[in-house]
Amino acid sequence: INGSHSWIVLGGGFAVQPSEFAKVGLVLLLAML
């Protein structure tokens, strides 16, 4: 979408961008380490 292969289309006009959730995951892991 828009030149970036960053999405997973769920149907019904909805799509998710996992890289956004990766921000949360990285924050928690770095804090733990």
PDB file of all heavy atoms in Angstrom:
ATOM      1  N   ILE A   1       0.860  -1.184   0.000  1.00  0.00           N
ATOM      2  CA  ILE A   1       0.000   0.000   0.000  1.00  0.00           C
ATOM      3  C   ILE A   1       0.888   1.223   0.000  1.00  0.00           C
ATOM      4  O   ILE A   1       1.780   1.343   0.836  1.00  0.00           O
ATOM      5  CB  ILE A   1      -0.944   0.019   1.228  1.00  0.00           C
ATOM      6  CG1 ILE A   1      -1.865  -1.206   1.211  1.00  0.00           C
ATOM      7  CG2 ILE A   1      -1.785   1.302   1.240  1.00  0.00           C
ATOM      8  CD1 ILE A   1      -2.780  -1.302   2.427  1.00  0.00           C
ATOM      9  N   ASN A   2       0.650   2.118  -0.944  1.00  0.00           N
ATOM     10  CA  ASN A   2       1.443   3.353  -1.067  1.00  0.00           C
ATOM     11  C   ASN A   2       2.940   3.067  -1.207  1.00  0.00           C
ATOM     12  O   ASN A   2       3.787   3.747  -0.624  1.00  0.00           O
ATOM     13  CB  ASN A   2       1.204   4.280   0.133  1.00  0.00           C
ATOM     14  CG  ASN A   2      -0.216   4.816   0.170  1.00  0.00           C
ATOM     15  OD1 ASN A   2      -0.860   4.959  -0.865  1.00  0.00           O
ATOM     16  ND2 ASN A   2      -0.704   5.106   1.364  1.00  0.00           N
ATOM     17  N   GLY A   3       3.269   2.023  -1.964  1.00  0.00           N
ATOM     18  CA  GLY A   3       4.663   1.738  -2.262  1.00  0.00           C
ATOM     19  C   GLY A   3       5.412   0.985  -1.191  1.00  0.00           C
ATOM     20  O   GLY A   3       6.598   0.703  -1.345  1.00  0.00           O
ATOM     21  N   SER A   4       4.750   0.644  -0.081  1.00  0.00           N
ATOM     22  CA  SER A   4       5.416  -0.047   1.017  1.00  0.00           C
ATOM     23  C   SER A   4       4.717  -1.373   1.289  1.00  0.00           C
ATOM     24  O   SER A   4       3.511  -1.407   1.505  1.00  0.00           O
ATOM     25  CB  SER A   4       5.411   0.827   2.282  1.00  0.00           C
ATOM     26  OG  SER A   4       6.096   0.178   3.332  1.00  0.00           O
ATOM     27  N   HIS A   5       5.504  -2.447   1.276  1.00  0.00           N
ATOM     28  CA  HIS A   5       4.954  -3.791   1.520  1.00  0.00           C
ATOM     29  C   HIS A   5       4.906  -4.033   3.028  1.00  0.00           C
ATOM     30  O   HIS A   5       5.618  -4.870   3.578  1.00  0.00           O
ATOM     31  CB  HIS A   5       5.829  -4.836   0.832  1.00  0.00           C
ATOM     32  CG  HIS A   5       5.169  -6.164   0.661  1.00  0.00           C
ATOM     33  ND1 HIS A   5       4.238  -6.418  -0.328  1.00  0.00           N
ATOM     34  CD2 HIS A   5       5.285  -7.320   1.360  1.00  0.00           C
ATOM     35  CE1 HIS A   5       3.835  -7.670  -0.236  1.00  0.00           C
ATOM     36  NE2 HIS A   5       4.458  -8.247   0.787  1.00  0.00           N
ATOM     37  N   SER A   6       4.047  -3.272   3.716  1.00  0.00           N
ATOM     38  CA  SER A   6       4.036  -3.237   5.175  1.00  0.00           C
ATOM     39  C   SER A   6       2.732  -3.703   5.789  1.00  0.00           C
ATOM     40  O   SER A   6       2.569  -3.624   7.007  1.00  0.00           O
ATOM     41  CB  SER A   6       4.314  -1.801   5.667  1.00  0.00           C
ATOM     42  OG  SER A   6       5.470  -1.272   5.084  1.00  0.00           O
ATOM     43  N   TRP A   7       1.819  -4.195   4.974  1.00  0.00           N
ATOM     44  CA  TRP A   7       0.458  -4.406   5.463  1.00  0.00           C
ATOM     45  C   TRP A   7       0.010  -5.852   5.311  1.00  0.00           C
ATOM     46  O   TRP A   7       0.473  -6.579   4.433  1.00  0.00           O
ATOM     47  CB  TRP A   7      -0.517  -3.511   4.693  1.00  0.00           C
ATOM     48  CG  TRP A   7      -0.173  -2.063   4.779  1.00  0.00           C
ATOM     49  CD1 TRP A   7       0.740  -1.392   4.001  1.00  0.00           C
ATOM     50  CD2 TRP A   7      -0.691  -1.116   5.699  1.00  0.00           C
ATOM     51  NE1 TRP A   7       0.796  -0.081   4.394  1.00  0.00           N
ATOM     52  CE2 TRP A   7      -0.069   0.126   5.429  1.00  0.00           C
ATOM     53  CE3 TRP A   7      -1.642  -1.189   6.721  1.00  0.00           C
ATOM     54  CZ2 TRP A   7      -0.346   1.272   6.143  1.00  0.00           C
ATOM     55  CZ3 TRP A   7      -1.935  -0.041   7.440  1.00  0.00           C
ATOM     56  CH2 TRP A   7      -1.290   1.172   7.149  1.00  0.00           C
ATOM     57  N   ILE A   8      -0.935  -6.221   6.173  1.00  0.00           N
ATOM     58  CA  ILE A   8      -1.652  -7.493   6.050  1.00  0.00           C
ATOM     59  C   ILE A   8      -3.132  -7.151   5.958  1.00  0.00           C
ATOM     60  O   ILE A   8      -3.715  -6.619   6.909  1.00  0.00           O
ATOM     61  CB  ILE A   8      -1.399  -8.413   7.256  1.00  0.00           C
ATOM     62  CG1 ILE A   8       0.087  -8.779   7.345  1.00  0.00           C
ATOM     63  CG2 ILE A   8      -2.247  -9.680   7.154  1.00  0.00           C
ATOM     64  CD1 ILE A   8       0.434  -9.613   8.556  1.00  0.00           C
ATOM     65  N   VAL A   9      -3.720  -7.395   4.814  1.00  0.00           N
ATOM     66  CA  VAL A   9      -5.118  -7.045   4.576  1.00  0.00           C
ATOM     67  C   VAL A   9      -6.015  -8.095   5.210  1.00  0.00           C
ATOM     68  O   VAL A   9      -5.866  -9.303   4.963  1.00  0.00           O
ATOM     69  CB  VAL A   9      -5.406  -6.927   3.067  1.00  0.00           C
ATOM     70  CG1 VAL A   9      -6.890  -6.632   2.833  1.00  0.00           C
ATOM     71  CG2 VAL A   9      -4.551  -5.839   2.441  1.00  0.00           C
ATOM     72  N   LEU A  10      -6.957  -7.645   6.035  1.00  0.00           N
ATOM     73  CA  LEU A  10      -7.857  -8.546   6.748  1.00  0.00           C
ATOM     74  C   LEU A  10      -9.199  -8.701   6.053  1.00  0.00           C
ATOM     75  O   LEU A  10      -9.973  -9.587   6.374  1.00  0.00           O
ATOM     76  CB  LEU A  10      -8.086  -8.032   8.175  1.00  0.00           C
ATOM     77  CG  LEU A  10      -6.830  -7.858   9.032  1.00  0.00           C
ATOM     78  CD1 LEU A  10      -7.201  -7.297  10.397  1.00  0.00           C
ATOM     79  CD2 LEU A  10      -6.077  -9.169   9.173  1.00  0.00           C
ATOM     80  N   GLY A  11      -9.499  -7.810   5.106  1.00  0.00           N
ATOM     81  CA  GLY A  11     -10.793  -7.829   4.451  1.00  0.00           C
ATOM     82  C   GLY A  11     -11.744  -6.848   5.098  1.00  0.00           C
ATOM     83  O   GLY A  11     -11.529  -6.388   6.228  1.00  0.00           O
ATOM     84  N   GLY A  12     -12.804  -6.526   4.380  1.00  0.00           N
ATOM     85  CA  GLY A  12     -13.789  -5.591   4.904  1.00  0.00           C
ATOM     86  C   GLY A  12     -13.251  -4.177   5.025  1.00  0.00           C
ATOM     87  O   GLY A  12     -13.770  -3.378   5.820  1.00  0.00           O
ATOM     88  N   GLY A  13     -12.211  -3.872   4.260  1.00  0.00           N
ATOM     89  CA  GLY A  13     -11.631  -2.537   4.319  1.00  0.00           C
ATOM     90  C   GLY A  13     -10.639  -2.342   5.450  1.00  0.00           C
ATOM     91  O   GLY A  13     -10.187  -1.224   5.691  1.00  0.00           O
ATOM     92  N   PHE A  14     -10.292  -3.404   6.167  1.00  0.00           N
ATOM     93  CA  PHE A  14      -9.369  -3.296   7.293  1.00  0.00           C
ATOM     94  C   PHE A  14      -8.034  -3.947   6.954  1.00  0.00           C
ATOM     95  O   PHE A  14      -7.973  -4.971   6.261  1.00  0.00           O
ATOM     96  CB  PHE A  14      -9.954  -3.952   8.544  1.00  0.00           C
ATOM     97  CG  PHE A  14     -11.100  -3.194   9.139  1.00  0.00           C
ATOM     98  CD1 PHE A  14     -12.415  -3.503   8.775  1.00  0.00           C
ATOM     99  CD2 PHE A  14     -10.884  -2.175  10.050  1.00  0.00           C
ATOM    100  CE1 PHE A  14     -13.479  -2.806   9.321  1.00  0.00           C
ATOM    101  CE2 PHE A  14     -11.946  -1.476  10.597  1.00  0.00           C
ATOM    102  CZ  PHE A  14     -13.245  -1.787  10.237  1.00  0.00           C
ATOM    103  N   ALA A  15      -6.961  -3.334   7.458  1.00  0.00           N
ATOM    104  CA  ALA A  15      -5.616  -3.866   7.281  1.00  0.00           C
ATOM    105  C   ALA A  15      -4.788  -3.501   8.506  1.00  0.00           C
ATOM    106  O   ALA A  15      -5.056  -2.498   9.171  1.00  0.00           O
ATOM    107  CB  ALA A  15      -4.968  -3.302   6.014  1.00  0.00           C
ATOM    108  N   VAL A  16      -3.800  -4.327   8.829  1.00  0.00           N
ATOM    109  CA  VAL A  16      -2.936  -4.055   9.974  1.00  0.00           C
ATOM    110  C   VAL A  16      -1.506  -3.868   9.482  1.00  0.00           C
ATOM    111  O   VAL A  16      -1.094  -4.452   8.474  1.00  0.00           O
ATOM    112  CB  VAL A  16      -2.984  -5.187  11.021  1.00  0.00           C
ATOM    113  CG1 VAL A  16      -4.355  -5.282  11.640  1.00  0.00           C
ATOM    114  CG2 VAL A  16      -2.576  -6.519  10.406  1.00  0.00           C
ATOM    115  N   GLN A  17      -0.758  -3.057  10.212  1.00  0.00           N
ATOM    116  CA  GLN A  17       0.641  -2.787   9.910  1.00  0.00           C
ATOM    117  C   GLN A  17       1.486  -3.279  11.093  1.00  0.00           C
ATOM    118  O   GLN A  17       1.648  -2.575  12.087  1.00  0.00           O
ATOM    119  CB  GLN A  17       0.854  -1.288   9.675  1.00  0.00           C
ATOM    120  CG  GLN A  17       2.217  -0.940   9.122  1.00  0.00           C
ATOM    121  CD  GLN A  17       2.339   0.538   8.804  1.00  0.00           C
ATOM    122  OE1 GLN A  17       1.470   1.335   9.143  1.00  0.00           O
ATOM    123  NE2 GLN A  17       3.430   0.913   8.153  1.00  0.00           N
ATOM    124  N   PRO A  18       2.028  -4.486  11.012  1.00  0.00           N
ATOM    125  CA  PRO A  18       2.750  -5.070  12.145  1.00  0.00           C
ATOM    126  C   PRO A  18       3.904  -4.228  12.658  1.00  0.00           C
ATOM    127  O   PRO A  18       4.275  -4.335  13.828  1.00  0.00           O
ATOM    128  CB  PRO A  18       3.245  -6.408  11.585  1.00  0.00           C
ATOM    129  CG  PRO A  18       2.256  -6.751  10.524  1.00  0.00           C
ATOM    130  CD  PRO A  18       1.907  -5.443   9.894  1.00  0.00           C
ATOM    131  N   SER A  19       4.502  -3.399  11.809  1.00  0.00           N
ATOM    132  CA  SER A  19       5.636  -2.597  12.251  1.00  0.00           C
ATOM    133  C   SER A  19       5.253  -1.619  13.356  1.00  0.00           C
ATOM    134  O   SER A  19       6.107  -1.216  14.155  1.00  0.00           O
ATOM    135  CB  SER A  19       6.239  -1.827  11.068  1.00  0.00           C
ATOM    136  OG  SER A  19       5.272  -0.998  10.450  1.00  0.00           O
ATOM    137  N   GLU A  20       3.972  -1.232  13.429  1.00  0.00           N
ATOM    138  CA  GLU A  20       3.531  -0.343  14.510  1.00  0.00           C
ATOM    139  C   GLU A  20       3.573  -1.072  15.851  1.00  0.00           C
ATOM    140  O   GLU A  20       4.008  -0.521  16.868  1.00  0.00           O
ATOM    141  CB  GLU A  20       2.118   0.169  14.227  1.00  0.00           C
ATOM    142  CG  GLU A  20       2.012   1.137  13.059  1.00  0.00           C
ATOM    143  CD  GLU A  20       2.693   2.470  13.349  1.00  0.00           C
ATOM    144  OE1 GLU A  20       2.885   2.804  14.533  1.00  0.00           O
ATOM    145  OE2 GLU A  20       3.054   3.168  12.389  1.00  0.00           O
ATOM    146  N   PHE A  21       3.131  -2.310  15.866  1.00  0.00           N
ATOM    147  CA  PHE A  21       3.187  -3.096  17.095  1.00  0.00           C
ATOM    148  C   PHE A  21       4.628  -3.447  17.465  1.00  0.00           C
ATOM    149  O   PHE A  21       4.942  -3.673  18.640  1.00  0.00           O
ATOM    150  CB  PHE A  21       2.359  -4.368  16.958  1.00  0.00           C
ATOM    151  CG  PHE A  21       0.881  -4.128  16.822  1.00  0.00           C
ATOM    152  CD1 PHE A  21       0.153  -4.721  15.809  1.00  0.00           C
ATOM    153  CD2 PHE A  21       0.225  -3.291  17.715  1.00  0.00           C
ATOM    154  CE1 PHE A  21      -1.214  -4.499  15.687  1.00  0.00           C
ATOM    155  CE2 PHE A  21      -1.143  -3.065  17.602  1.00  0.00           C
ATOM    156  CZ  PHE A  21      -1.866  -3.666  16.584  1.00  0.00           C
ATOM    157  N   ALA A  22       5.506  -3.500  16.450  1.00  0.00           N
ATOM    158  CA  ALA A  22       6.912  -3.790  16.716  1.00  0.00           C
ATOM    159  C   ALA A  22       7.542  -2.711  17.592  1.00  0.00           C
ATOM    160  O   ALA A  22       8.478  -2.984  18.350  1.00  0.00           O
ATOM    161  CB  ALA A  22       7.683  -3.922  15.401  1.00  0.00           C
ATOM    162  N   LYS A  23       7.039  -1.486  17.501  1.00  0.00           N
ATOM    163  CA  LYS A  23       7.545  -0.408  18.352  1.00  0.00           C
ATOM    164  C   LYS A  23       7.296  -0.738  19.823  1.00  0.00           C
ATOM    165  O   LYS A  23       8.186  -0.590  20.664  1.00  0.00           O
ATOM    166  CB  LYS A  23       6.861   0.918  17.991  1.00  0.00           C
ATOM    167  CG  LYS A  23       7.094   1.392  16.564  1.00  0.00           C
ATOM    168  CD  LYS A  23       6.252   2.617  16.259  1.00  0.00           C
ATOM    169  CE  LYS A  23       6.362   3.040  14.808  1.00  0.00           C
ATOM    170  NZ  LYS A  23       5.479   4.190  14.471  1.00  0.00           N
ATOM    171  N   VAL A  24       6.086  -1.206  20.119  1.00  0.00           N
ATOM    172  CA  VAL A  24       5.739  -1.566  21.498  1.00  0.00           C
ATOM    173  C   VAL A  24       6.581  -2.743  21.963  1.00  0.00           C
ATOM    174  O   VAL A  24       7.136  -2.744  23.074  1.00  0.00           O
ATOM    175  CB  VAL A  24       4.239  -1.904  21.612  1.00  0.00           C
ATOM    176  CG1 VAL A  24       3.889  -2.308  23.040  1.00  0.00           C
ATOM    177  CG2 VAL A  24       3.381  -0.728  21.169  1.00  0.00           C
ATOM    178  N   GLY A  25       6.696  -3.767  21.119  1.00  0.00           N
ATOM    179  CA  GLY A  25       7.482  -4.934  21.479  1.00  0.00           C
ATOM    180  C   GLY A  25       8.936  -4.601  21.744  1.00  0.00           C
ATOM    181  O   GLY A  25       9.543  -5.116  22.705  1.00  0.00           O
ATOM    182  N   LEU A  26       9.515  -3.732  20.922  1.00  0.00           N
ATOM    183  CA  LEU A  26      10.917  -3.363  21.102  1.00  0.00           C
ATOM    184  C   LEU A  26      11.115  -2.544  22.369  1.00  0.00           C
ATOM    185  O   LEU A  26      12.101  -2.732  23.093  1.00  0.00           O
ATOM    186  CB  LEU A  26      11.414  -2.584  19.883  1.00  0.00           C
ATOM    187  CG  LEU A  26      12.910  -2.240  19.879  1.00  0.00           C
ATOM    188  CD1 LEU A  26      13.752  -3.512  19.903  1.00  0.00           C
ATOM    189  CD2 LEU A  26      13.272  -1.379  18.670  1.00  0.00           C
ATOM    190  N   VAL A  27      10.192  -1.649  22.663  1.00  0.00           N
ATOM    191  CA  VAL A  27      10.277  -0.844  23.889  1.00  0.00           C
ATOM    192  C   VAL A  27      10.335  -1.749  25.113  1.00  0.00           C
ATOM    193  O   VAL A  27      11.186  -1.580  26.005  1.00  0.00           O
ATOM    194  CB  VAL A  27       9.078   0.129  23.999  1.00  0.00           C
ATOM    195  CG1 VAL A  27       8.969   0.690  25.412  1.00  0.00           C
ATOM    196  CG2 VAL A  27       9.228   1.265  23.001  1.00  0.00           C
ATOM    197  N   LEU A  28       9.448  -2.731  25.187  1.00  0.00           N
ATOM    198  CA  LEU A  28       9.389  -3.617  26.351  1.00  0.00           C
ATOM    199  C   LEU A  28      10.636  -4.492  26.453  1.00  0.00           C
ATOM    200  O   LEU A  28      11.180  -4.694  27.552  1.00  0.00           O
ATOM    201  CB  LEU A  28       8.136  -4.491  26.279  1.00  0.00           C
ATOM    202  CG  LEU A  28       6.793  -3.751  26.390  1.00  0.00           C
ATOM    203  CD1 LEU A  28       5.636  -4.717  26.186  1.00  0.00           C
ATOM    204  CD2 LEU A  28       6.669  -3.058  27.741  1.00  0.00           C
ATOM    205  N   LEU A  29      11.112  -5.003  25.314  1.00  0.00           N
ATOM    206  CA  LEU A  29      12.291  -5.863  25.359  1.00  0.00           C
ATOM    207  C   LEU A  29      13.531  -5.081  25.781  1.00  0.00           C
ATOM    208  O   LEU A  29      14.329  -5.552  26.604  1.00  0.00           O
ATOM    209  CB  LEU A  29      12.520  -6.516  23.996  1.00  0.00           C
ATOM    210  CG  LEU A  29      13.691  -7.497  23.965  1.00  0.00           C
ATOM    211  CD1 LEU A  29      13.340  -8.750  24.751  1.00  0.00           C
ATOM    212  CD2 LEU A  29      14.097  -7.858  22.547  1.00  0.00           C
ATOM    213  N   LEU A  30      13.722  -3.886  25.221  1.00  0.00           N
ATOM    214  CA  LEU A  30      14.881  -3.079  25.578  1.00  0.00           C
ATOM    215  C   LEU A  30      14.854  -2.716  27.062  1.00  0.00           C
ATOM    216  O   LEU A  30      15.897  -2.736  27.736  1.00  0.00           O
ATOM    217  CB  LEU A  30      14.926  -1.813  24.727  1.00  0.00           C
ATOM    218  CG  LEU A  30      15.184  -2.013  23.228  1.00  0.00           C
ATOM    219  CD1 LEU A  30      15.137  -0.683  22.503  1.00  0.00           C
ATOM    220  CD2 LEU A  30      16.524  -2.701  22.988  1.00  0.00           C
ATOM    221  N   ALA A  31      13.669  -2.367  27.567  1.00  0.00           N
ATOM    222  CA  ALA A  31      13.546  -2.029  28.990  1.00  0.00           C
ATOM    223  C   ALA A  31      13.903  -3.232  29.858  1.00  0.00           C
ATOM    224  O   ALA A  31      14.578  -3.099  30.886  1.00  0.00           O
ATOM    225  CB  ALA A  31      12.135  -1.551  29.298  1.00  0.00           C
ATOM    226  N   MET A  32      13.474  -4.416  29.441  1.00  0.00           N
ATOM    227  CA  MET A  32      13.801  -5.620  30.203  1.00  0.00           C
ATOM    228  C   MET A  32      15.309  -5.891  30.200  1.00  0.00           C
ATOM    229  O   MET A  32      15.908  -6.197  31.234  1.00  0.00           O
ATOM    230  CB  MET A  32      13.073  -6.822  29.602  1.00  0.00           C
ATOM    231  CG  MET A  32      13.285  -8.126  30.356  1.00  0.00           C
ATOM    232  SD  MET A  32      13.291  -9.582  29.274  1.00  0.00           S
ATOM    233  CE  MET A  32      14.863  -9.398  28.430  1.00  0.00           C
ATOM    234  N   LEU A  33      15.941  -5.750  29.035  1.00  0.00           N
ATOM    235  CA  LEU A  33      17.367  -6.049  28.925  1.00  0.00           C
ATOM    236  C   LEU A  33      18.233  -5.056  29.689  1.00  0.00           C
ATOM    237  O   LEU A  33      19.264  -5.426  30.266  1.00  0.00           O
ATOM    238  CB  LEU A  33      17.781  -6.051  27.444  1.00  0.00           C
ATOM    239  CG  LEU A  33      17.264  -7.212  26.592  1.00  0.00           C
ATOM    240  CD1 LEU A  33      17.559  -6.971  25.128  1.00  0.00           C
ATOM    241  CD2 LEU A  33      17.884  -8.529  27.050  1.00  0.00           C
TER     242      LEU A  33
END
